[in-house]
Amino acid sequence: VLPHMLQAGYGRIVNIASISGKDGNAGMLAYSTAKAGVIGLTKVVGKEYAQDGITCNAVAPAVVRTALVDAMPPEQVRYMTDRIPMGRTGEIEEVAAVVAFAASREASFTTGFTFDASGGRAVY
């Protein structure tokens, strides 16, 4: 998609990372490593195209209420939400709102950044 964005002189890329890409999750080596890679990719693309009217940002959600999470054993969900200061899962609409902002013209001075949607789990 970058060639088209370059031709237009405008573009917004929003990658979906995970809080585990920032913090790491025990027992999730491959997943945490892959999501850390998404964050690294976001930083590099954000810098490389910063002067071309293209921004590249990421969103790093913590656990979000989905059908997959609903099917998990309650103790596993509790383990994950115990690490979140808000004490709950995120909602899909909450993450979508962060993505919409990151993709908007209002976020035009932000690139190479990873927005948290983590209920306070990571605030850096």
Protein backbone atom coordinates (compact mmCIF):
# COMPACT_ATOMS: atom_id res chain seq x y z
CA VAL A 1 0.00 0.00 0.00
CA LEU A 2 2.98 2.33 0.48
CA PRO A 3 3.44 3.06 -3.25
CA HIS A 4 -0.16 4.29 -3.43
CA MET A 5 0.25 6.40 -0.30
CA LEU A 6 3.48 7.88 -1.64
CA GLN A 7 1.78 8.77 -4.91
CA ALA A 8 -1.09 10.41 -3.00
CA GLY A 9 1.27 12.15 -0.59
CA TYR A 10 -0.90 10.97 2.27
CA GLY A 11 -1.51 7.82 4.23
CA ARG A 12 -2.28 6.31 7.59
CA ILE A 13 -1.03 2.90 8.69
CA VAL A 14 -2.23 1.45 11.99
CA ASN A 15 -0.74 -1.87 13.07
CA ILE A 16 -2.27 -4.02 15.77
CA ALA A 17 0.35 -4.99 18.33
CA SER A 18 -0.28 -6.18 21.88
CA ILE A 19 0.66 -5.15 25.36
CA SER A 20 2.62 -8.41 25.49
CA GLY A 21 4.88 -6.95 22.81
CA LYS A 22 5.84 -4.25 25.32
CA ASP A 23 5.72 -6.19 28.59
CA GLY A 24 6.12 -9.80 27.51
CA ASN A 25 3.84 -12.54 28.75
CA ALA A 26 5.19 -15.65 30.46
CA GLY A 27 4.39 -18.74 28.44
CA MET A 28 3.81 -16.72 25.25
CA LEU A 29 7.33 -16.42 23.82
CA ALA A 30 6.42 -16.54 20.12
CA TYR A 31 3.39 -14.25 20.47
CA SER A 32 5.20 -11.65 22.59
CA THR A 33 8.19 -11.70 20.25
CA ALA A 34 6.01 -11.29 17.15
CA LYS A 35 4.12 -8.37 18.68
CA ALA A 36 7.40 -6.72 19.73
CA GLY A 37 8.38 -7.05 16.07
CA VAL A 38 5.19 -5.23 15.04
CA ILE A 39 6.15 -2.39 17.39
CA GLY A 40 9.65 -2.25 15.90
CA LEU A 41 8.24 -2.26 12.37
CA THR A 42 5.91 0.59 13.31
CA LYS A 43 8.80 2.69 14.64
CA VAL A 44 10.91 2.20 11.52
CA VAL A 45 8.13 2.79 8.98
CA GLY A 46 6.97 5.80 10.99
CA LYS A 47 10.42 7.36 10.74
CA GLU A 48 11.11 6.39 7.14
CA TYR A 49 7.92 7.98 5.78
CA ALA A 50 7.50 10.87 8.23
CA GLN A 51 8.23 13.50 5.58
CA ASP A 52 5.97 11.92 2.96
CA GLY A 53 2.61 12.66 4.58
CA ILE A 54 2.36 9.07 5.81
CA THR A 55 2.10 8.12 9.46
CA CYS A 56 2.54 4.66 10.89
CA ASN A 57 1.37 3.94 14.41
CA ALA A 58 0.31 0.87 16.35
CA VAL A 59 -2.23 0.01 19.02
CA ALA A 60 -1.27 -2.36 21.84
CA PRO A 61 -4.36 -3.75 23.53
CA ALA A 62 -4.38 -5.86 26.63
CA VAL A 63 -6.92 -8.69 26.75
CA VAL A 64 -10.13 -7.69 24.92
CA ARG A 65 -13.56 -9.27 25.34
CA THR A 66 -14.04 -11.44 22.25
CA ALA A 67 -15.62 -14.81 21.54
CA LEU A 68 -12.17 -16.37 22.07
CA VAL A 69 -11.88 -14.83 25.54
CA ASP A 70 -15.48 -15.79 26.36
CA ALA A 71 -14.54 -19.43 25.62
CA MET A 72 -11.54 -19.36 28.00
CA PRO A 73 -11.75 -20.80 31.50
CA PRO A 74 -12.73 -18.06 33.99
CA GLU A 75 -9.51 -18.56 35.98
CA GLN A 76 -7.43 -17.84 32.87
CA VAL A 77 -9.36 -14.62 32.18
CA ARG A 78 -9.00 -13.66 35.85
CA TYR A 79 -5.23 -14.23 35.64
CA MET A 80 -5.05 -11.79 32.73
CA THR A 81 -7.37 -9.16 34.18
CA ASP A 82 -5.58 -9.26 37.55
CA ARG A 83 -2.63 -7.59 35.79
CA ILE A 84 -4.86 -4.75 34.55
CA PRO A 85 -5.41 -1.90 37.06
CA MET A 86 -8.98 -1.39 35.76
CA GLY A 87 -9.62 -5.04 36.65
CA ARG A 88 -11.49 -5.90 33.46
CA THR A 89 -11.07 -6.78 29.83
CA GLY A 90 -11.22 -4.13 27.17
CA GLU A 91 -14.13 -3.89 24.77
CA ILE A 92 -13.74 -4.09 21.01
CA GLU A 93 -15.28 -0.64 20.64
CA GLU A 94 -12.68 0.86 22.98
CA VAL A 95 -9.81 -0.47 20.89
CA ALA A 96 -11.57 0.56 17.67
CA ALA A 97 -11.80 4.15 18.96
CA VAL A 98 -8.02 4.27 19.50
CA VAL A 99 -7.45 2.84 16.02
CA ALA A 100 -9.82 5.42 14.51
CA PHE A 101 -7.92 8.24 16.21
CA ALA A 102 -4.53 6.88 15.11
CA ALA A 103 -5.84 6.74 11.52
CA SER A 104 -7.32 10.25 11.62
CA ARG A 105 -5.99 13.59 10.42
CA GLU A 106 -6.09 14.71 14.06
CA ALA A 107 -3.16 12.37 14.75
CA SER A 108 -1.07 13.97 12.00
CA PHE A 109 1.85 14.86 14.31
CA THR A 110 2.15 11.33 15.69
CA THR A 111 4.12 8.64 13.91
CA GLY A 112 6.13 5.62 14.98
CA PHE A 113 4.13 5.50 18.22
CA THR A 114 2.36 2.65 19.96
CA PHE A 115 -0.87 3.63 21.69
CA ASP A 116 -1.82 1.53 24.71
CA ALA A 117 -5.33 0.25 25.17
CA SER A 118 -4.46 -1.67 28.28
CA GLY A 119 -6.63 -0.49 31.16
CA GLY A 120 -3.48 0.89 32.77
CA ARG A 121 -1.38 -2.27 32.51
CA ALA A 122 1.38 -0.37 30.74
CA VAL A 123 1.54 3.39 30.87
CA TYR A 124 4.87 4.13 29.18
